[in-house]
Protein backbone atom coordinates (compact mmCIF):
# COMPACT_ATOMS: atom_id res chain seq x y z
CA UNK A 1 -30.81 -47.10 83.76
CA UNK A 2 -33.22 -47.84 80.87
CA UNK A 3 -36.37 -45.75 80.70
CA UNK A 4 -39.69 -47.59 80.66
CA UNK A 5 -40.92 -45.10 78.03
CA UNK A 6 -38.05 -45.99 75.67
CA UNK A 7 -40.35 -48.53 74.03
CA UNK A 8 -42.34 -45.68 72.49
CA UNK A 9 -39.44 -44.75 70.20
CA UNK A 10 -39.76 -45.96 66.62
CA UNK A 11 -37.83 -49.17 66.04
CA UNK A 12 -36.25 -51.03 63.16
CA UNK A 13 -37.24 -54.69 63.30
CA UNK A 14 -35.32 -55.60 60.11
CA UNK A 15 -38.27 -57.63 58.85
CA UNK A 16 -36.58 -57.84 55.45
CA UNK A 17 -33.69 -59.84 56.94
CA UNK A 18 -34.45 -63.60 57.14
CA UNK A 19 -34.15 -65.10 60.60
CA UNK A 20 -31.70 -67.95 60.94
CA UNK A 21 -30.84 -70.53 63.57
CA UNK A 22 -27.32 -69.19 63.72
CA UNK A 23 -24.36 -71.35 62.75
CA UNK A 24 -26.53 -73.75 60.78
CA UNK A 25 -28.46 -75.35 63.66
CA UNK A 26 -32.16 -75.68 62.88
CA UNK A 27 -33.34 -74.07 66.14
CA UNK A 28 -33.02 -70.28 66.23
CA UNK A 29 -30.38 -68.86 68.54
CA UNK A 30 -29.29 -72.21 69.96
CA UNK A 31 -26.10 -72.98 68.06
CA UNK A 32 -24.00 -72.05 71.09
CA UNK A 33 -25.62 -74.66 73.34
CA UNK A 34 -23.90 -77.89 74.24
CA UNK A 35 -24.56 -81.13 72.38
CA UNK A 36 -27.09 -82.53 74.83
CA UNK A 37 -29.28 -79.43 74.75
CA UNK A 38 -29.14 -79.27 70.96
CA UNK A 39 -29.90 -82.97 70.69
CA UNK A 40 -33.03 -82.56 72.81
CA UNK A 41 -34.14 -79.51 70.82
CA UNK A 42 -33.51 -81.34 67.55
CA UNK A 43 -35.97 -84.01 68.67
CA UNK A 44 -38.60 -81.34 69.30
CA UNK A 45 -38.27 -79.38 66.04
CA UNK A 46 -38.81 -81.02 62.66
CA UNK A 47 -35.52 -80.97 60.70
CA UNK A 48 -37.24 -80.03 57.42
CA UNK A 49 -39.68 -77.33 58.50
CA UNK A 50 -37.74 -76.22 61.57
CA UNK A 51 -41.09 -76.05 63.37
CA UNK A 52 -42.96 -78.01 66.03
CA UNK A 53 -46.48 -79.04 66.98
CA UNK A 54 -46.74 -79.37 70.76
CA UNK A 55 -49.79 -80.82 72.51
CA UNK A 56 -50.46 -79.08 75.83
CA UNK A 57 -52.43 -81.02 78.42
CA UNK A 58 -51.08 -79.43 81.60
CA UNK A 59 -54.27 -77.45 82.29
CA UNK A 60 -55.26 -79.55 85.29
CA UNK A 61 -52.32 -78.31 87.38
CA UNK A 62 -54.29 -75.12 88.07
CA UNK A 63 -57.74 -75.78 86.53
CA UNK A 64 -58.62 -79.30 87.59
CA UNK A 65 -60.58 -81.50 85.13
CA UNK A 66 -60.75 -79.25 82.07
CA UNK A 67 -63.49 -79.97 79.53
CA UNK A 68 -62.05 -82.53 77.14
CA UNK A 69 -59.47 -83.64 79.71
CA UNK A 70 -61.78 -85.26 82.23
CA UNK A 71 -60.02 -88.53 81.40
CA UNK A 72 -56.41 -87.93 80.39
CA UNK A 73 -55.93 -91.62 79.66
CA UNK A 74 -58.77 -91.48 77.12
CA UNK A 75 -58.19 -88.05 75.57
CA UNK A 76 -54.44 -87.86 75.02
CA UNK A 77 -53.03 -91.21 73.78
CA UNK A 78 -54.99 -91.19 70.47
CA UNK A 79 -53.47 -87.80 69.61
CA UNK A 80 -49.85 -88.72 70.28
CA UNK A 81 -49.00 -89.99 66.75
CA UNK A 82 -50.00 -86.65 65.23
CA UNK A 83 -47.89 -84.24 67.29
CA UNK A 84 -44.17 -83.65 67.78
CA UNK A 85 -43.99 -82.90 71.52
CA UNK A 86 -46.12 -83.72 74.57
CA UNK A 87 -46.42 -81.02 77.24
CA UNK A 88 -47.78 -81.99 80.65
CA UNK A 89 -47.05 -82.55 84.32
CA UNK A 90 -45.12 -85.47 85.78
CA UNK A 91 -48.27 -86.76 87.47
CA UNK A 92 -50.17 -86.86 84.19
CA UNK A 93 -47.33 -88.61 82.37
CA UNK A 94 -46.80 -91.23 85.05
CA UNK A 95 -50.49 -92.02 85.45
CA UNK A 96 -51.88 -91.71 81.93
CA UNK A 97 -49.22 -91.82 79.19
CA UNK A 98 -47.81 -95.23 78.19
CA UNK A 99 -44.10 -95.51 78.89
CA UNK A 100 -43.66 -96.98 75.40
CA UNK A 101 -44.39 -93.58 73.84
CA UNK A 102 -41.32 -92.22 72.05
CA UNK A 103 -42.14 -88.54 71.78
CA UNK A 104 -40.19 -85.67 73.35
CA UNK A 105 -41.58 -84.63 76.73
CA UNK A 106 -41.88 -80.96 77.68
CA UNK A 107 -42.37 -81.21 81.41
CA UNK A 108 -44.23 -78.58 83.41
CA UNK A 109 -41.98 -78.12 86.44
CA UNK A 110 -43.53 -75.17 88.31
CA UNK A 111 -46.65 -74.92 90.40
CA UNK A 112 -48.90 -71.84 90.60
CA UNK A 113 -51.98 -70.80 92.52
CA UNK A 114 -55.20 -72.34 91.23
CA UNK A 115 -57.86 -70.49 89.25
CA UNK A 116 -59.74 -69.99 92.56
CA UNK A 117 -57.08 -67.56 93.76
CA UNK A 118 -57.51 -63.88 92.91
CA UNK A 119 -53.84 -63.38 91.94
CA UNK A 120 -52.45 -66.52 90.33
CA UNK A 121 -48.98 -64.99 90.13
CA UNK A 122 -48.51 -65.22 93.89
CA UNK A 123 -47.09 -68.28 95.59
CA UNK A 124 -45.59 -70.32 92.75
CA UNK A 125 -42.57 -72.57 93.06
CA UNK A 126 -40.77 -75.61 91.65
CA UNK A 127 -42.96 -78.70 91.62
CA UNK A 128 -40.47 -80.99 89.85
CA UNK A 129 -36.72 -80.61 90.23
CA UNK A 130 -34.07 -81.46 87.65
CA UNK A 131 -33.47 -84.92 89.11
CA UNK A 132 -37.12 -85.85 88.66
CA UNK A 133 -37.10 -84.36 85.16
CA UNK A 134 -34.11 -86.50 84.19
CA UNK A 135 -35.84 -89.60 85.59
CA UNK A 136 -38.90 -88.65 83.53
CA UNK A 137 -36.63 -88.61 80.43
CA UNK A 138 -37.75 -85.05 79.70
CA UNK A 139 -36.51 -83.20 76.65
CA UNK A 140 -37.52 -79.77 77.93
CA UNK A 141 -38.61 -78.00 81.14
CA UNK A 142 -41.56 -75.57 81.09
CA UNK A 143 -41.74 -72.67 83.56
CA UNK A 144 -44.53 -70.08 83.68
CA UNK A 145 -43.62 -66.44 84.31
CA UNK A 146 -45.79 -63.48 85.28
CA UNK A 147 -44.36 -60.31 83.75
CA UNK A 148 -45.99 -57.17 85.10
CA UNK A 149 -47.79 -59.00 87.92
CA UNK A 150 -47.29 -59.24 91.67
CA UNK A 151 -45.34 -62.47 91.36
CA UNK A 152 -42.99 -61.29 88.60
CA UNK A 153 -39.81 -61.33 90.68
CA UNK A 154 -40.51 -64.78 92.09
CA UNK A 155 -41.40 -66.31 88.73
CA UNK A 156 -38.31 -64.86 87.05
CA UNK A 157 -36.19 -66.29 89.86
CA UNK A 158 -37.77 -69.71 89.21
CA UNK A 159 -37.03 -69.36 85.50
CA UNK A 160 -33.40 -68.39 86.10
CA UNK A 161 -32.77 -71.21 88.57
CA UNK A 162 -34.44 -73.71 86.22
CA UNK A 163 -32.22 -72.51 83.38
CA UNK A 164 -29.17 -73.00 85.63
CA UNK A 165 -30.25 -76.56 86.44
CA UNK A 166 -31.08 -77.24 82.81
CA UNK A 167 -27.66 -76.04 81.69
CA UNK A 168 -26.03 -78.42 84.17
CA UNK A 169 -27.85 -81.36 82.55
CA UNK A 170 -28.14 -80.34 78.90
CA UNK A 171 -31.88 -79.70 79.30
CA UNK A 172 -33.54 -76.79 77.43
CA UNK A 173 -36.13 -74.59 79.11
CA UNK A 174 -39.41 -73.29 77.70
CA UNK A 175 -40.37 -69.94 79.22
CA UNK A 176 -44.16 -69.55 79.25
CA UNK A 177 -45.62 -66.03 79.20
CA UNK A 178 -48.59 -65.96 81.56
CA UNK A 179 -51.52 -63.62 81.00
CA UNK A 180 -53.76 -63.26 84.03
CA UNK A 181 -57.23 -61.78 84.13
CA UNK A 182 -55.97 -58.19 84.37
CA UNK A 183 -52.84 -58.49 82.21
CA UNK A 184 -52.31 -57.00 78.77
CA UNK A 185 -52.42 -58.95 75.53
CA UNK A 186 -50.83 -56.32 73.36
CA UNK A 187 -47.85 -56.17 71.04
CA UNK A 188 -46.01 -53.92 73.49
CA UNK A 189 -46.54 -56.36 76.36
CA UNK A 190 -45.45 -59.42 74.39
CA UNK A 191 -42.41 -57.58 73.00
CA UNK A 192 -41.36 -56.96 76.59
CA UNK A 193 -42.28 -60.34 78.09
CA UNK A 194 -40.78 -62.60 75.41
CA UNK A 195 -37.51 -60.67 75.34
CA UNK A 196 -37.22 -60.77 79.14
CA UNK A 197 -37.67 -64.54 79.17
CA UNK A 198 -35.12 -65.06 76.40
CA UNK A 199 -32.57 -62.79 78.05
CA UNK A 200 -32.99 -64.68 81.32
CA UNK A 201 -31.97 -67.85 79.53
CA UNK A 202 -35.10 -69.52 78.13
CA UNK A 203 -34.17 -71.60 75.08
CA UNK A 204 -37.63 -71.13 73.60
CA UNK A 205 -40.67 -69.07 74.55
CA UNK A 206 -44.40 -69.76 74.54
CA UNK A 207 -46.66 -66.76 74.15
CA UNK A 208 -49.95 -65.64 72.64
CA UNK A 209 -50.64 -64.35 69.16
CA UNK A 210 -51.39 -60.64 68.82
CA UNK A 211 -51.51 -57.84 66.27
CA UNK A 212 -47.94 -56.94 65.31
CA UNK A 213 -46.80 -60.49 66.04
CA UNK A 214 -44.08 -60.30 63.39
CA UNK A 215 -42.36 -57.71 65.59
CA UNK A 216 -42.54 -60.02 68.61
CA UNK A 217 -40.92 -62.92 66.76
CA UNK A 218 -38.29 -60.65 65.18
CA UNK A 219 -37.10 -59.23 68.49
CA UNK A 220 -37.08 -62.49 70.43
CA UNK A 221 -33.68 -64.16 69.87
CA UNK A 222 -35.02 -67.68 70.53
CA UNK A 223 -37.91 -69.58 68.90
CA UNK A 224 -41.47 -68.63 69.78
CA UNK A 225 -44.31 -71.14 69.83
CA UNK A 226 -47.81 -69.79 70.20
CA UNK A 227 -50.28 -70.81 72.88
CA UNK A 228 -53.68 -71.85 71.62
CA UNK A 229 -55.51 -70.23 74.53
CA UNK A 230 -59.26 -70.55 74.93
CA UNK A 231 -61.25 -72.72 72.54
CA UNK A 232 -61.97 -71.02 69.23
CA UNK A 233 -64.10 -72.27 66.33
CA UNK A 234 -61.90 -74.52 64.21
CA UNK A 235 -61.61 -72.03 61.29
CA UNK A 236 -60.43 -69.30 63.67
CA UNK A 237 -57.90 -71.57 65.38
CA UNK A 238 -56.43 -72.57 62.01
CA UNK A 239 -56.26 -68.93 60.92
CA UNK A 240 -54.44 -68.01 64.14
CA UNK A 241 -51.93 -70.82 63.59
CA UNK A 242 -51.42 -69.84 59.96
CA UNK A 243 -50.84 -66.18 60.75
CA UNK A 244 -48.47 -66.98 63.60
CA UNK A 245 -46.31 -69.26 61.43
CA UNK A 246 -46.39 -66.77 58.55
CA UNK A 247 -45.25 -64.05 60.96
CA UNK A 248 -42.30 -65.94 62.40
CA UNK A 249 -43.52 -68.42 65.01
CA UNK A 250 -41.66 -71.72 64.96
CA UNK A 251 -44.57 -73.79 66.14
CA UNK A 252 -47.76 -74.04 68.15
CA UNK A 253 -48.43 -75.45 71.61
CA UNK A 254 -52.17 -76.09 71.52
CA UNK A 255 -54.45 -77.76 74.00
CA UNK A 256 -58.11 -76.79 74.09
CA UNK A 257 -58.19 -75.95 70.39
CA UNK A 258 -57.23 -79.55 69.74
CA UNK A 259 -58.77 -81.75 72.43
CA UNK A 260 -62.02 -79.74 72.49
CA UNK A 261 -62.35 -79.76 68.69
CA UNK A 262 -65.18 -81.64 67.02
CA UNK A 263 -62.58 -84.15 65.83
CA UNK A 264 -59.31 -83.79 67.80
CA UNK A 265 -57.28 -86.10 65.57
CA UNK A 266 -58.39 -84.25 62.43
CA UNK A 267 -57.52 -80.94 64.10
CA UNK A 268 -54.04 -82.22 65.01
CA UNK A 269 -53.46 -83.26 61.43
CA UNK A 270 -54.72 -79.96 60.03
CA UNK A 271 -52.54 -77.93 62.39
CA UNK A 272 -49.54 -80.03 61.36
CA UNK A 273 -50.22 -79.19 57.71
CA UNK A 274 -49.99 -75.48 58.56
CA UNK A 275 -46.91 -75.82 60.76
CA UNK A 276 -44.87 -78.25 58.68
CA UNK A 277 -46.17 -78.10 55.10
CA UNK A 278 -47.05 -74.45 54.61
CA UNK A 279 -50.79 -74.90 54.22
CA UNK A 280 -52.83 -71.72 54.35
CA UNK A 281 -55.69 -71.53 56.82
CA UNK A 282 -58.18 -72.14 54.01
CA UNK A 283 -56.27 -75.18 52.74
CA UNK A 284 -56.02 -76.54 56.29
CA UNK A 285 -59.75 -76.03 56.88
CA UNK A 286 -60.57 -77.83 53.63
CA UNK A 287 -58.29 -80.66 54.74
CA UNK A 288 -59.94 -80.75 58.18
CA UNK A 289 -63.44 -80.88 56.66
CA UNK A 290 -62.33 -83.63 54.30
CA UNK A 291 -61.15 -85.69 57.25
CA UNK A 292 -64.50 -85.16 58.93
CA UNK A 293 -66.27 -86.64 55.90
CA UNK A 294 -64.11 -89.77 55.81
C-alpha cells in the first residue's frame, strides 16, 4: 500500500521534456478517447493555441446572487463573443442564455451545500443527469470534488459515476478541485488532488494556481485550466493567468476576475491575448488599459 509520506521523496518532473497531446490530438492525454468525446473537446480548445478561455458563472448554485451576477441575463450575454466556453448550471442556461448561442457548454452537474453550511463537502449529489446534459447540448460535464475533506469519498464517487455516464455518451468531464475554508492551497495538495481526479477519469481538471505550479501541470496527465478564484486587481489577475499558461496550464476558467472587472469585456479580451496569443502580463495590461481609453 502506498505511503502517504512518499510524496516527500525528491521527484523528477522532466520539465525539460515538452508536453504533448499524445498521438497528435490537440488536447493533452485524450487521443485514446472516442470520436464524440474528442469532437466536443476540440470545440472547447482552440486548434492553434491548444488552450481555452472558459467563463464561469456557476457561483449562484452555492452562493446565491454573487456581486456582478445579480442579473445573469444582463451580465453574461455581452461577454459570450469573447470566450471559448461557457460554464454554468442548467437553470442559468435555460433562463438567461439565448438558445441561439453557439458556444460549447460546460455544464455544472453536481450540487453541494451552500456557503451557509460549515462543511460544504458534506451532502453533495448529482443535480443534472446525463440525459438532461444531452438535452442541454452540453460539451462537457463539471463535477466538484473535495480531496482531503469530510465529503471526499462521496464526491469522488460522483466524479467516477459521471465519468462512466460521460463515456457512454461521448461526453468529457471536468473535475473541479474544491478548496474549502480549512483546506490547503499548496503545491503538495494540488499535486495530489489533480492527479487523483485525472486517475479517476476526468478528461480535464480545474484547479488553483500556486507556487510550483509547473510541477502540478507536469504530473497531471490531462489538461489543467486554472480557476480565477476571488476578485483580484486586474494587473494581478493578468499576472496569474500569464504565469499559469507559462507554467503549463491549457487555459483559464475565470468568473469574478472577469465579470467584476472595471470593464468585463476588456478583461475577457486581455485574458484571451494571454491564453491564445502569448501576451505577457505587462502586454495584456497595456492592451486592457488601451481598451479602457477607447
